[in-house]
N, C-alpha and C. Protein backbone atom coordinates (compact mmCIF):
# COMPACT_ATOMS: atom_id res chain seq x y z
N MET A 1 5.58 23.91 -37.12
CA MET A 1 6.78 22.68 -36.48
C MET A 1 7.77 23.60 -36.61
N ASN A 2 8.64 23.25 -35.88
CA ASN A 2 10.19 23.87 -36.52
C ASN A 2 11.08 22.63 -35.78
N THR A 3 12.36 22.99 -36.00
CA THR A 3 13.59 22.01 -35.38
C THR A 3 14.24 22.21 -34.63
N VAL A 4 14.88 21.40 -33.47
CA VAL A 4 15.52 21.76 -31.97
C VAL A 4 16.59 20.99 -32.13
N LYS A 5 17.45 21.52 -31.58
CA LYS A 5 19.08 20.83 -31.67
C LYS A 5 18.32 19.13 -30.77
N PRO A 6 19.24 18.39 -30.70
CA PRO A 6 19.23 16.82 -30.15
C PRO A 6 19.61 16.93 -28.68
N PRO A 7 18.40 16.45 -27.74
CA PRO A 7 18.84 16.55 -26.06
C PRO A 7 20.41 16.41 -26.04
N ARG A 8 20.87 17.33 -24.59
CA ARG A 8 22.61 17.01 -24.37
C ARG A 8 22.30 15.78 -23.11
N TRP A 9 22.13 14.76 -22.85
CA TRP A 9 22.37 13.79 -22.24
C TRP A 9 22.91 13.57 -21.08
N PRO A 10 23.01 14.15 -19.71
CA PRO A 10 24.57 14.28 -18.30
C PRO A 10 24.98 13.12 -18.68
N SER A 11 24.11 11.99 -18.89
CA SER A 11 24.76 10.82 -19.52
C SER A 11 26.10 10.34 -19.89
N GLY A 12 25.53 11.23 -21.13
CA GLY A 12 26.23 10.65 -22.78
C GLY A 12 25.07 9.65 -22.89
N ASP A 13 24.10 9.22 -22.45
CA ASP A 13 22.51 8.49 -23.83
C ASP A 13 21.91 8.63 -22.48
N CYS A 14 20.24 8.43 -23.34
CA CYS A 14 18.96 8.27 -22.97
C CYS A 14 18.35 6.54 -23.03
N CYS A 15 17.45 6.90 -22.48
CA CYS A 15 16.45 5.21 -21.80
C CYS A 15 15.07 5.44 -21.91
N ALA A 16 14.70 5.34 -23.17
CA ALA A 16 13.22 4.81 -22.89
C ALA A 16 12.72 4.14 -21.95
N VAL A 17 11.59 4.91 -21.24
CA VAL A 17 10.98 4.90 -19.54
C VAL A 17 9.62 4.23 -20.06
N LEU A 18 8.86 4.74 -21.07
CA LEU A 18 7.82 4.24 -21.56
C LEU A 18 6.95 4.89 -22.34
N ALA A 19 5.78 4.05 -23.20
CA ALA A 19 5.23 4.23 -24.50
C ALA A 19 3.70 4.57 -24.51
N SER A 20 3.04 5.06 -25.14
CA SER A 20 1.56 5.95 -24.73
C SER A 20 1.05 5.61 -26.01
N LYS A 21 -0.41 5.06 -26.20
CA LYS A 21 -1.22 5.21 -26.95
C LYS A 21 -1.64 6.34 -27.76
N LEU A 22 -1.38 7.19 -27.11
CA LEU A 22 -1.78 9.11 -27.28
C LEU A 22 -0.71 9.37 -28.35
N THR A 23 -1.57 9.89 -29.34
CA THR A 23 -0.64 11.38 -30.20
C THR A 23 -0.42 12.11 -29.64
N MET A 24 0.44 12.87 -30.54
CA MET A 24 1.45 14.01 -30.20
C MET A 24 -0.15 15.05 -29.63
N ASP A 25 -0.97 15.05 -30.73
CA ASP A 25 -1.93 16.12 -30.34
C ASP A 25 -2.87 15.94 -29.43
N GLU A 26 -2.92 14.56 -29.07
CA GLU A 26 -3.67 15.00 -27.68
C GLU A 26 -3.03 14.67 -26.45
N LEU A 27 -1.54 14.58 -26.42
CA LEU A 27 -0.16 15.07 -25.40
C LEU A 27 -0.46 16.33 -25.51
N HIS A 28 -0.27 16.97 -26.58
CA HIS A 28 -0.40 18.40 -26.74
C HIS A 28 -1.49 19.24 -25.61
N ARG A 29 -2.70 18.04 -26.27
CA ARG A 29 -3.94 19.18 -25.45
C ARG A 29 -3.71 18.92 -23.94
N ARG A 30 -2.84 18.25 -23.11
CA ARG A 30 -2.97 17.83 -21.71
C ARG A 30 -1.92 18.52 -21.20
N GLN A 31 -0.59 18.97 -22.08
CA GLN A 31 0.23 19.56 -21.19
C GLN A 31 1.49 20.48 -23.06
N PRO A 32 0.79 21.75 -22.62
CA PRO A 32 1.37 22.19 -23.91
C PRO A 32 3.07 21.83 -24.57
N LEU A 33 2.75 21.61 -25.69
CA LEU A 33 4.32 21.06 -26.12
C LEU A 33 4.80 21.86 -27.75
N GLN A 34 6.09 21.90 -27.36
CA GLN A 34 6.79 22.82 -29.24
C GLN A 34 7.40 21.37 -29.77
N LEU A 35 6.63 20.88 -30.56
CA LEU A 35 6.26 19.98 -31.82
C LEU A 35 7.07 20.54 -32.60
N PHE A 36 8.27 19.17 -33.05
CA PHE A 36 9.12 19.78 -34.36
C PHE A 36 9.21 18.38 -34.82
N ARG A 37 9.77 18.33 -36.37
CA ARG A 37 10.03 16.82 -37.28
C ARG A 37 11.72 17.34 -37.31
N ALA A 38 11.90 15.99 -37.27
CA ALA A 38 13.49 15.73 -37.20
C ALA A 38 13.34 13.90 -38.21
N GLN A 39 14.63 13.47 -37.89
CA GLN A 39 14.67 12.54 -39.06
C GLN A 39 16.46 11.83 -37.95
N ASP A 40 15.43 10.41 -37.18
CA ASP A 40 16.94 9.80 -36.77
C ASP A 40 17.61 8.44 -38.14
N ASP A 41 18.18 7.52 -37.14
CA ASP A 41 18.39 6.54 -38.11
C ASP A 41 17.14 5.24 -38.23
N LEU A 42 16.08 6.10 -37.70
CA LEU A 42 14.79 4.78 -37.76
C LEU A 42 14.27 5.36 -38.93
N ASP A 43 13.72 6.55 -38.89
CA ASP A 43 12.49 6.83 -39.43
C ASP A 43 12.31 8.51 -39.14
N TRP A 44 11.04 8.91 -40.10
CA TRP A 44 11.22 10.91 -39.55
C TRP A 44 10.06 10.27 -38.60
N PHE A 45 10.10 11.43 -37.36
CA PHE A 45 9.33 11.50 -36.43
C PHE A 45 8.56 13.01 -36.08
N THR A 46 7.92 13.14 -35.05
CA THR A 46 7.33 13.82 -34.11
C THR A 46 8.01 14.23 -33.65
N GLY A 47 8.49 14.96 -32.50
CA GLY A 47 9.03 15.06 -31.74
C GLY A 47 8.53 16.16 -30.43
N ALA A 48 8.77 16.03 -29.32
CA ALA A 48 8.41 17.21 -27.98
C ALA A 48 9.77 17.30 -27.19
N LEU A 49 10.59 18.35 -27.07
CA LEU A 49 11.26 18.93 -25.61
C LEU A 49 11.00 19.44 -24.81
N LEU A 50 10.89 18.86 -23.39
CA LEU A 50 10.86 19.00 -22.13
C LEU A 50 12.12 19.55 -21.64
N ASP A 51 11.85 20.61 -20.75
CA ASP A 51 13.45 20.76 -19.55
C ASP A 51 12.79 19.91 -18.33
N ALA A 52 12.58 18.62 -18.02
CA ALA A 52 11.87 18.52 -16.58
C ALA A 52 13.00 19.02 -15.41
N PRO A 53 12.65 19.95 -14.45
CA PRO A 53 13.36 19.93 -13.48
C PRO A 53 13.86 19.15 -12.83
N SER A 54 12.98 17.70 -12.52
CA SER A 54 13.67 16.95 -11.63
C SER A 54 14.34 15.89 -12.38
N LEU A 55 14.21 15.72 -13.45
CA LEU A 55 14.81 15.28 -14.40
C LEU A 55 15.75 15.35 -15.63
N GLY A 56 15.91 16.43 -16.15
CA GLY A 56 16.48 16.93 -16.91
C GLY A 56 15.58 16.57 -18.05
N PRO A 57 16.20 16.70 -19.52
CA PRO A 57 15.49 16.42 -20.94
C PRO A 57 14.81 15.07 -20.40
N LEU A 58 13.80 16.05 -21.42
CA LEU A 58 12.21 14.35 -21.51
C LEU A 58 12.08 14.45 -23.12
N LEU A 59 12.08 13.91 -23.80
CA LEU A 59 11.92 13.94 -25.15
C LEU A 59 11.16 12.41 -25.52
N LEU A 60 9.87 13.49 -25.94
CA LEU A 60 8.74 12.89 -26.38
C LEU A 60 8.89 12.51 -27.88
N MET A 61 8.89 11.34 -28.66
CA MET A 61 9.29 10.64 -30.03
C MET A 61 8.08 9.75 -30.89
N ARG A 62 7.73 9.98 -31.50
CA ARG A 62 6.19 9.19 -32.15
C ARG A 62 6.88 9.31 -33.57
N HIS A 63 7.39 7.93 -34.18
CA HIS A 63 8.04 7.87 -35.03
C HIS A 63 6.96 7.34 -36.12
N ASP A 64 7.04 8.30 -38.04
CA ASP A 64 5.82 7.79 -38.60
C ASP A 64 5.55 6.70 -39.22
N GLY A 65 6.94 5.50 -39.16
CA GLY A 65 6.71 4.50 -39.77
C GLY A 65 6.25 3.19 -38.72
N ASN A 66 5.94 3.61 -37.29
CA ASN A 66 6.24 3.10 -35.92
C ASN A 66 4.62 2.30 -36.19
N PRO A 67 4.55 0.89 -36.57
CA PRO A 67 3.36 0.36 -36.69
C PRO A 67 2.15 0.17 -35.48
N ASP A 68 2.80 0.33 -34.48
CA ASP A 68 2.03 0.60 -33.31
C ASP A 68 0.99 2.32 -33.49
N GLY A 69 1.97 2.96 -33.98
CA GLY A 69 2.07 4.21 -33.76
C GLY A 69 1.83 4.72 -32.00
N LEU A 70 3.33 4.12 -31.27
CA LEU A 70 3.22 4.54 -30.22
C LEU A 70 4.26 5.95 -30.14
N THR A 71 3.65 6.84 -29.48
CA THR A 71 4.75 8.07 -28.53
C THR A 71 5.76 7.37 -27.39
N THR A 72 6.98 7.82 -27.52
CA THR A 72 7.15 6.93 -26.23
C THR A 72 8.58 8.48 -25.92
N PHE A 73 8.93 7.74 -24.75
CA PHE A 73 9.61 8.96 -23.60
C PHE A 73 10.60 8.46 -23.11
N TYR A 74 11.59 9.56 -23.31
CA TYR A 74 13.33 9.12 -23.61
C TYR A 74 13.64 9.91 -22.17
N VAL A 75 14.08 9.69 -21.01
CA VAL A 75 14.79 10.39 -20.28
C VAL A 75 16.70 10.63 -20.07
N ASP A 76 17.35 10.82 -19.53
CA ASP A 76 18.56 10.17 -19.09
C ASP A 76 18.77 9.30 -18.65
N ALA A 77 19.60 8.00 -19.34
CA ALA A 77 19.93 6.81 -18.89
C ALA A 77 20.19 6.67 -16.94
N LEU A 78 20.67 7.34 -16.64
CA LEU A 78 21.25 7.41 -15.47
C LEU A 78 19.99 7.95 -14.49
N CYS A 79 19.08 8.59 -14.66
CA CYS A 79 17.66 8.88 -13.88
C CYS A 79 16.80 7.61 -13.40
N ASP A 80 16.41 7.88 -12.40
CA ASP A 80 15.44 6.94 -11.84
C ASP A 80 13.93 6.50 -12.51
N VAL A 81 14.31 5.13 -12.67
CA VAL A 81 12.77 4.74 -13.86
C VAL A 81 11.90 5.11 -12.82
N LYS A 82 11.59 4.65 -12.18
CA LYS A 82 10.20 4.92 -11.53
C LYS A 82 10.19 6.27 -11.33
N ALA A 83 10.51 7.04 -11.32
CA ALA A 83 10.78 8.25 -10.69
C ALA A 83 10.20 9.45 -11.84
N ALA A 84 11.03 8.93 -12.81
CA ALA A 84 10.67 9.00 -14.90
C ALA A 84 9.23 8.91 -15.11
N GLN A 85 8.86 7.35 -14.97
CA GLN A 85 7.47 7.25 -14.91
C GLN A 85 6.31 7.97 -14.47
N ALA A 86 6.64 7.69 -13.26
CA ALA A 86 5.43 8.51 -12.20
C ALA A 86 5.28 10.29 -12.68
N PHE A 87 6.71 11.00 -13.02
CA PHE A 87 6.72 12.11 -14.01
C PHE A 87 5.82 12.62 -15.05
N VAL A 88 6.19 11.49 -16.07
CA VAL A 88 5.29 11.65 -17.21
C VAL A 88 4.13 11.38 -17.16
N MET A 89 3.42 10.25 -16.14
CA MET A 89 2.38 10.07 -16.23
C MET A 89 1.62 11.14 -15.38
N ASP A 90 2.28 11.77 -14.41
CA ASP A 90 1.44 13.11 -13.75
C ASP A 90 1.45 13.65 -14.70
N LEU A 91 2.61 14.29 -15.05
CA LEU A 91 2.27 15.18 -16.19
C LEU A 91 1.26 15.65 -17.44
N PHE A 92 1.16 14.22 -17.81
CA PHE A 92 0.77 14.18 -19.00
C PHE A 92 -0.82 13.56 -18.14
N CYS A 93 -1.04 13.55 -17.28
CA CYS A 93 -2.45 12.83 -16.73
C CYS A 93 -2.66 11.24 -17.14
N LEU A 94 -1.78 10.73 -17.96
CA LEU A 94 -2.01 9.26 -18.43
C LEU A 94 -2.63 8.26 -17.17
N ARG A 95 -3.65 7.60 -17.81
CA ARG A 95 -4.48 6.42 -17.16
C ARG A 95 -3.40 5.03 -17.27
N ASP A 96 -3.89 4.18 -17.01
CA ASP A 96 -2.91 2.93 -17.26
C ASP A 96 -3.33 2.31 -18.78
N GLY A 97 -5.03 2.27 -19.03
CA GLY A 97 -5.40 2.17 -20.54
C GLY A 97 -4.22 2.45 -21.77
N GLU A 98 -3.89 3.91 -21.45
CA GLU A 98 -3.14 4.95 -22.16
C GLU A 98 -1.74 4.40 -22.52
N ILE A 99 -1.33 3.82 -21.59
CA ILE A 99 0.59 3.17 -22.12
C ILE A 99 0.12 2.05 -22.44
N ALA A 100 1.46 2.20 -23.35
CA ALA A 100 0.96 0.95 -24.57
C ALA A 100 2.47 -0.29 -23.44
N TRP A 101 3.73 0.70 -23.12
CA TRP A 101 4.34 -0.16 -22.23
C TRP A 101 5.57 0.40 -21.26
N ALA A 102 6.32 0.24 -20.49
CA ALA A 102 6.39 0.38 -19.67
C ALA A 102 7.88 -0.14 -19.07
N LEU A 103 9.08 0.36 -19.36
CA LEU A 103 10.13 0.15 -18.81
C LEU A 103 10.55 -0.75 -17.29
N ALA A 104 10.60 -2.30 -17.44
CA ALA A 104 10.74 -3.01 -16.06
C ALA A 104 11.56 -1.94 -15.43
N LEU A 105 11.15 -1.72 -13.86
CA LEU A 105 12.01 -1.16 -12.81
C LEU A 105 13.48 -1.92 -12.72
N ARG A 106 14.86 -1.30 -12.58
CA ARG A 106 15.74 -1.76 -12.80
C ARG A 106 16.23 -1.74 -11.09
């Protein structure tokens, strides 16, 4: 694994749109990811950063200390939540049982 620069969010902030029970390795088998290790104000995490043509930056984070062991998907705070969730679900072929939570539509 290697390190990457944090994403530059067009709006200046990000928003978690959904979380999955799948591990990074399981997600990587569905869609090739360049994984990295980093630390934020919460904990160490394994992450992946994609540039989604329709959304901009898409950040995946799985914190080491997350008691539920979830992988969270972040997009720019001004992205359309429903479109972002649909994109992530389609890209990783996520089924309803693999989603731990999804942000309510605004």
